[in-house]
Amino acid sequence: MLRSRGTERLRHLALAALYFALVTPAGLCARAVRDPLRRSWDRSRTSYLDRPARPRRPCAAFRRAP
């Protein structure tokens, strides 16, 4: 079934309206409830650098032969 150019434009317009009517408010509400990037200021922290849990050792396959 062939679609006309007007039908394609109307479909894109409907999808854009659906996105801005549903997805955008949901994202704004989620950001209002919690801080997903943990951007809030915490005076008790000495550093905001997240250290790795343990140091990584090189894989045995990449070690140089003596």
PDB file of N, CA and C in Angstrom:
ATOM      1  N   MET A   1       0.844  -1.176   0.000  1.00  0.00           N
ATOM      2  CA  MET A   1       0.000   0.000   0.000  1.00  0.00           C
ATOM      3  C   MET A   1       0.888   1.237   0.000  1.00  0.00           C
ATOM      4  N   LEU A   2       0.655   2.122  -0.914  1.00  0.00           N
ATOM      5  CA  LEU A   2       1.440   3.336  -1.037  1.00  0.00           C
ATOM      6  C   LEU A   2       0.923   4.400  -0.076  1.00  0.00           C
ATOM      7  N   ARG A   3       1.854   5.142   0.467  1.00  0.00           N
ATOM      8  CA  ARG A   3       1.487   6.239   1.363  1.00  0.00           C
ATOM      9  C   ARG A   3       1.818   7.549   0.677  1.00  0.00           C
ATOM     10  N   SER A   4       0.959   8.500   0.873  1.00  0.00           N
ATOM     11  CA  SER A   4       1.226   9.802   0.270  1.00  0.00           C
ATOM     12  C   SER A   4       2.169  10.603   1.162  1.00  0.00           C
ATOM     13  N   ARG A   5       2.735  11.638   0.600  1.00  0.00           N
ATOM     14  CA  ARG A   5       3.654  12.488   1.363  1.00  0.00           C
ATOM     15  C   ARG A   5       2.931  13.175   2.514  1.00  0.00           C
ATOM     16  N   GLY A   6       1.683  13.519   2.320  1.00  0.00           N
ATOM     17  CA  GLY A   6       0.895  14.153   3.376  1.00  0.00           C
ATOM     18  C   GLY A   6       0.646  13.217   4.546  1.00  0.00           C
ATOM     19  N   THR A   7       0.419  11.941   4.226  1.00  0.00           N
ATOM     20  CA  THR A   7       0.208  10.958   5.289  1.00  0.00           C
ATOM     21  C   THR A   7       1.477  10.777   6.105  1.00  0.00           C
ATOM     22  N   GLU A   8       2.628  10.749   5.444  1.00  0.00           N
ATOM     23  CA  GLU A   8       3.904  10.612   6.150  1.00  0.00           C
ATOM     24  C   GLU A   8       4.150  11.816   7.056  1.00  0.00           C
ATOM     25  N   ARG A   9       3.867  12.996   6.572  1.00  0.00           N
ATOM     26  CA  ARG A   9       4.052  14.210   7.387  1.00  0.00           C
ATOM     27  C   ARG A   9       3.124  14.199   8.587  1.00  0.00           C
ATOM     28  N   LEU A  10       1.889  13.770   8.359  1.00  0.00           N
ATOM     29  CA  LEU A  10       0.926  13.710   9.460  1.00  0.00           C
ATOM     30  C   LEU A  10       1.367  12.685  10.503  1.00  0.00           C
ATOM     31  N   ARG A  11       1.932  11.572  10.059  1.00  0.00           N
ATOM     32  CA  ARG A  11       2.410  10.557  10.992  1.00  0.00           C
ATOM     33  C   ARG A  11       3.585  11.079  11.819  1.00  0.00           C
ATOM     34  N   HIS A  12       4.511  11.788  11.180  1.00  0.00           N
ATOM     35  CA  HIS A  12       5.644  12.366  11.909  1.00  0.00           C
ATOM     36  C   HIS A  12       5.174  13.420  12.911  1.00  0.00           C
ATOM     37  N   LEU A  13       4.210  14.214  12.508  1.00  0.00           N
ATOM     38  CA  LEU A  13       3.660  15.229  13.398  1.00  0.00           C
ATOM     39  C   LEU A  13       2.959  14.572  14.588  1.00  0.00           C
ATOM     40  N   ALA A  14       2.227  13.498  14.355  1.00  0.00           N
ATOM     41  CA  ALA A  14       1.536  12.800  15.444  1.00  0.00           C
ATOM     42  C   ALA A  14       2.545  12.159  16.402  1.00  0.00           C
ATOM     43  N   LEU A  15       3.612  11.581  15.865  1.00  0.00           N
ATOM     44  CA  LEU A  15       4.626  10.984  16.735  1.00  0.00           C
ATOM     45  C   LEU A  15       5.355  12.047  17.551  1.00  0.00           C
ATOM     46  N   ALA A  16       5.612  13.204  16.961  1.00  0.00           N
ATOM     47  CA  ALA A  16       6.256  14.282  17.705  1.00  0.00           C
ATOM     48  C   ALA A  16       5.348  14.790  18.817  1.00  0.00           C
ATOM     49  N   ALA A  17       4.068  14.927  18.524  1.00  0.00           N
ATOM     50  CA  ALA A  17       3.116  15.375  19.547  1.00  0.00           C
ATOM     51  C   ALA A  17       3.007  14.347  20.675  1.00  0.00           C
ATOM     52  N   LEU A  18       3.001  13.068  20.327  1.00  0.00           N
ATOM     53  CA  LEU A  18       2.950  12.016  21.333  1.00  0.00           C
ATOM     54  C   LEU A  18       4.190  12.037  22.212  1.00  0.00           C
ATOM     55  N   TYR A  19       5.342  12.253  21.593  1.00  0.00           N
ATOM     56  CA  TYR A  19       6.591  12.313  22.355  1.00  0.00           C
ATOM     57  C   TYR A  19       6.559  13.470  23.346  1.00  0.00           C
ATOM     58  N   PHE A  20       6.207  14.659  22.867  1.00  0.00           N
ATOM     59  CA  PHE A  20       6.206  15.827  23.747  1.00  0.00           C
ATOM     60  C   PHE A  20       5.063  15.800  24.755  1.00  0.00           C
ATOM     61  N   ALA A  21       4.030  15.024  24.489  1.00  0.00           N
ATOM     62  CA  ALA A  21       2.910  14.938  25.434  1.00  0.00           C
ATOM     63  C   ALA A  21       3.141  13.880  26.511  1.00  0.00           C
ATOM     64  N   LEU A  22       3.914  12.835  26.206  1.00  0.00           N
ATOM     65  CA  LEU A  22       4.082  11.733  27.165  1.00  0.00           C
ATOM     66  C   LEU A  22       5.503  11.612  27.703  1.00  0.00           C
ATOM     67  N   VAL A  23       6.468  11.544  26.834  1.00  0.00           N
ATOM     68  CA  VAL A  23       7.836  11.246  27.250  1.00  0.00           C
ATOM     69  C   VAL A  23       8.483  12.427  27.967  1.00  0.00           C
ATOM     70  N   THR A  24       8.324  13.618  27.436  1.00  0.00           N
ATOM     71  CA  THR A  24       8.946  14.797  28.048  1.00  0.00           C
ATOM     72  C   THR A  24       8.428  15.061  29.465  1.00  0.00           C
ATOM     73  N   PRO A  25       7.125  15.073  29.719  1.00  0.00           N
ATOM     74  CA  PRO A  25       6.671  15.268  31.104  1.00  0.00           C
ATOM     75  C   PRO A  25       7.107  14.143  32.043  1.00  0.00           C
ATOM     76  N   ALA A  26       7.168  12.921  31.527  1.00  0.00           N
ATOM     77  CA  ALA A  26       7.622  11.815  32.377  1.00  0.00           C
ATOM     78  C   ALA A  26       9.075  12.024  32.786  1.00  0.00           C
ATOM     79  N   GLY A  27       9.904  12.472  31.866  1.00  0.00           N
ATOM     80  CA  GLY A  27      11.301  12.743  32.190  1.00  0.00           C
ATOM     81  C   GLY A  27      11.445  13.900  33.158  1.00  0.00           C
ATOM     82  N   LEU A  28      10.670  14.935  32.974  1.00  0.00           N
ATOM     83  CA  LEU A  28      10.736  16.082  33.885  1.00  0.00           C
ATOM     84  C   LEU A  28      10.272  15.697  35.289  1.00  0.00           C
ATOM     85  N   CYS A  29       9.249  14.856  35.376  1.00  0.00           N
ATOM     86  CA  CYS A  29       8.796  14.397  36.692  1.00  0.00           C
ATOM     87  C   CYS A  29       9.844  13.518  37.361  1.00  0.00           C
ATOM     88  N   ALA A  30      10.502  12.671  36.593  1.00  0.00           N
ATOM     89  CA  ALA A  30      11.539  11.806  37.158  1.00  0.00           C
ATOM     90  C   ALA A  30      12.704  12.641  37.673  1.00  0.00           C
ATOM     91  N   ARG A  31      13.058  13.697  36.962  1.00  0.00           N
ATOM     92  CA  ARG A  31      14.148  14.554  37.409  1.00  0.00           C
ATOM     93  C   ARG A  31      13.748  15.377  38.619  1.00  0.00           C
ATOM     94  N   ALA A  32      12.474  15.691  38.757  1.00  0.00           N
ATOM     95  CA  ALA A  32      12.024  16.464  39.907  1.00  0.00           C
ATOM     96  C   ALA A  32      12.019  15.618  41.180  1.00  0.00           C
ATOM     97  N   VAL A  33      11.785  14.304  41.032  1.00  0.00           N
ATOM     98  CA  VAL A  33      11.702  13.418  42.180  1.00  0.00           C
ATOM     99  C   VAL A  33      13.081  13.041  42.699  1.00  0.00           C
ATOM    100  N   ARG A  34      14.009  12.724  41.801  1.00  0.00           N
ATOM    101  CA  ARG A  34      15.343  12.302  42.234  1.00  0.00           C
ATOM    102  C   ARG A  34      16.409  12.932  41.345  1.00  0.00           C
ATOM    103  N   ASP A  35      17.635  12.859  41.789  1.00  0.00           N
ATOM    104  CA  ASP A  35      18.760  13.433  41.056  1.00  0.00           C
ATOM    105  C   ASP A  35      19.569  12.288  40.451  1.00  0.00           C
ATOM    106  N   PRO A  36      19.339  11.926  39.182  1.00  0.00           N
ATOM    107  CA  PRO A  36      19.986  10.743  38.626  1.00  0.00           C
ATOM    108  C   PRO A  36      21.503  10.877  38.493  1.00  0.00           C
ATOM    109  N   LEU A  37      22.017  12.080  38.380  1.00  0.00           N
ATOM    110  CA  LEU A  37      23.466  12.270  38.250  1.00  0.00           C
ATOM    111  C   LEU A  37      24.141  12.621  39.565  1.00  0.00           C
ATOM    112  N   ARG A  38      23.378  12.614  40.640  1.00  0.00           N
ATOM    113  CA  ARG A  38      23.885  12.956  41.980  1.00  0.00           C
ATOM    114  C   ARG A  38      24.636  14.292  41.961  1.00  0.00           C
ATOM    115  N   ARG A  39      23.963  15.325  41.459  1.00  0.00           N
ATOM    116  CA  ARG A  39      24.585  16.636  41.335  1.00  0.00           C
ATOM    117  C   ARG A  39      24.434  17.499  42.577  1.00  0.00           C
ATOM    118  N   SER A  40      23.721  17.010  43.574  1.00  0.00           N
ATOM    119  CA  SER A  40      23.510  17.822  44.769  1.00  0.00           C
ATOM    120  C   SER A  40      24.807  17.967  45.562  1.00  0.00           C
ATOM    121  N   TRP A  41      24.931  19.069  46.252  1.00  0.00           N
ATOM    122  CA  TRP A  41      26.133  19.406  47.008  1.00  0.00           C
ATOM    123  C   TRP A  41      26.077  18.740  48.369  1.00  0.00           C
ATOM    124  N   ASP A  42      27.161  18.056  48.746  1.00  0.00           N
ATOM    125  CA  ASP A  42      27.238  17.387  50.038  1.00  0.00           C
ATOM    126  C   ASP A  42      28.485  17.892  50.748  1.00  0.00           C
ATOM    127  N   ARG A  43      28.307  18.692  51.788  1.00  0.00           N
ATOM    128  CA  ARG A  43      29.450  19.297  52.480  1.00  0.00           C
ATOM    129  C   ARG A  43      30.272  18.286  53.281  1.00  0.00           C
ATOM    130  N   SER A  44      29.689  17.149  53.623  1.00  0.00           N
ATOM    131  CA  SER A  44      30.412  16.173  54.424  1.00  0.00           C
ATOM    132  C   SER A  44      31.413  15.359  53.607  1.00  0.00           C
ATOM    133  N   ARG A  45      31.302  15.388  52.289  1.00  0.00           N
ATOM    134  CA  ARG A  45      32.233  14.638  51.448  1.00  0.00           C
ATOM    135  C   ARG A  45      33.524  15.410  51.279  1.00  0.00           C
ATOM    136  N   THR A  46      34.633  14.694  51.314  1.00  0.00           N
ATOM    137  CA  THR A  46      35.922  15.350  51.096  1.00  0.00           C
ATOM    138  C   THR A  46      36.266  15.404  49.620  1.00  0.00           C
ATOM    139  N   SER A  47      35.747  14.460  48.842  1.00  0.00           N
ATOM    140  CA  SER A  47      36.030  14.425  47.415  1.00  0.00           C
ATOM    141  C   SER A  47      34.839  13.828  46.688  1.00  0.00           C
ATOM    142  N   TYR A  48      34.615  14.267  45.492  1.00  0.00           N
ATOM    143  CA  TYR A  48      33.556  13.720  44.662  1.00  0.00           C
ATOM    144  C   TYR A  48      34.090  12.732  43.645  1.00  0.00           C
ATOM    145  N   LEU A  49      35.367  12.403  43.732  1.00  0.00           N
ATOM    146  CA  LEU A  49      35.973  11.433  42.840  1.00  0.00           C
ATOM    147  C   LEU A  49      35.611  10.030  43.299  1.00  0.00           C
ATOM    148  N   ASP A  50      35.016   9.252  42.429  1.00  0.00           N
ATOM    149  CA  ASP A  50      34.673   7.875  42.753  1.00  0.00           C
ATOM    150  C   ASP A  50      35.862   6.990  42.417  1.00  0.00           C
ATOM    151  N   ARG A  51      36.478   6.437  43.430  1.00  0.00           N
ATOM    152  CA  ARG A  51      37.626   5.558  43.234  1.00  0.00           C
ATOM    153  C   ARG A  51      37.146   4.175  42.801  1.00  0.00           C
ATOM    154  N   PRO A  52      37.945   3.472  41.998  1.00  0.00           N
ATOM    155  CA  PRO A  52      37.560   2.103  41.649  1.00  0.00           C
ATOM    156  C   PRO A  52      37.607   1.196  42.879  1.00  0.00           C
ATOM    157  N   ALA A  53      36.840   0.138  42.864  1.00  0.00           N
ATOM    158  CA  ALA A  53      36.740  -0.759  44.011  1.00  0.00           C
ATOM    159  C   ALA A  53      38.078  -1.442  44.288  1.00  0.00           C
ATOM    160  N   ARG A  54      38.771  -1.877  43.257  1.00  0.00           N
ATOM    161  CA  ARG A  54      40.078  -2.505  43.433  1.00  0.00           C
ATOM    162  C   ARG A  54      40.923  -2.169  42.213  1.00  0.00           C
ATOM    163  N   PRO A  55      42.227  -2.144  42.363  1.00  0.00           N
ATOM    164  CA  PRO A  55      43.063  -1.842  41.201  1.00  0.00           C
ATOM    165  C   PRO A  55      43.023  -2.971  40.188  1.00  0.00           C
ATOM    166  N   ARG A  56      43.066  -2.602  38.934  1.00  0.00           N
ATOM    167  CA  ARG A  56      43.035  -3.597  37.875  1.00  0.00           C
ATOM    168  C   ARG A  56      44.437  -4.068  37.567  1.00  0.00           C
ATOM    169  N   ARG A  57      44.572  -5.379  37.450  1.00  0.00           N
ATOM    170  CA  ARG A  57      45.862  -5.945  37.069  1.00  0.00           C
ATOM    171  C   ARG A  57      45.809  -6.293  35.593  1.00  0.00           C
ATOM    172  N   PRO A  58      46.938  -6.176  34.898  1.00  0.00           N
ATOM    173  CA  PRO A  58      46.914  -6.528  33.482  1.00  0.00           C
ATOM    174  C   PRO A  58      46.672  -8.019  33.280  1.00  0.00           C
ATOM    175  N   CYS A  59      46.047  -8.336  32.207  1.00  0.00           N
ATOM    176  CA  CYS A  59      45.755  -9.719  31.877  1.00  0.00           C
ATOM    177  C   CYS A  59      47.058 -10.459  31.571  1.00  0.00           C
ATOM    178  N   ALA A  60      47.112 -11.750  31.852  1.00  0.00           N
ATOM    179  CA  ALA A  60      48.323 -12.538  31.639  1.00  0.00           C
ATOM    180  C   ALA A  60      48.706 -12.579  30.166  1.00  0.00           C
ATOM    181  N   ALA A  61      47.745 -12.478  29.293  1.00  0.00           N
ATOM    182  CA  ALA A  61      48.042 -12.547  27.857  1.00  0.00           C
ATOM    183  C   ALA A  61      48.804 -11.310  27.390  1.00  0.00           C
ATOM    184  N   PHE A  62      48.702 -10.198  28.124  1.00  0.00           N
ATOM    185  CA  PHE A  62      49.344  -8.955  27.704  1.00  0.00           C
ATOM    186  C   PHE A  62      50.632  -8.663  28.457  1.00  0.00           C
ATOM    187  N   ARG A  63      51.064  -9.562  29.323  1.00  0.00           N
ATOM    188  CA  ARG A  63      52.313  -9.343  30.038  1.00  0.00           C
ATOM    189  C   ARG A  63      53.488  -9.630  29.134  1.00  0.00           C
ATOM    190  N   ARG A  64      54.572  -8.898  29.346  1.00  0.00           N
ATOM    191  CA  ARG A  64      55.772  -9.121  28.542  1.00  0.00           C
ATOM    192  C   ARG A  64      56.540 -10.314  29.063  1.00  0.00           C
ATOM    193  N   ALA A  65      57.123 -11.035  28.149  1.00  0.00           N
ATOM    194  CA  ALA A  65      57.935 -12.190  28.533  1.00  0.00           C
ATOM    195  C   ALA A  65      59.258 -11.691  29.094  1.00  0.00           C
ATOM    196  N   PRO A  66      59.804 -12.364  30.119  1.00  0.00           N
ATOM    197  CA  PRO A  66      61.071 -11.907  30.706  1.00  0.00           C
ATOM    198  C   PRO A  66      62.246 -12.156  29.798  1.00  0.00           C
TER     199      PRO A  66
END
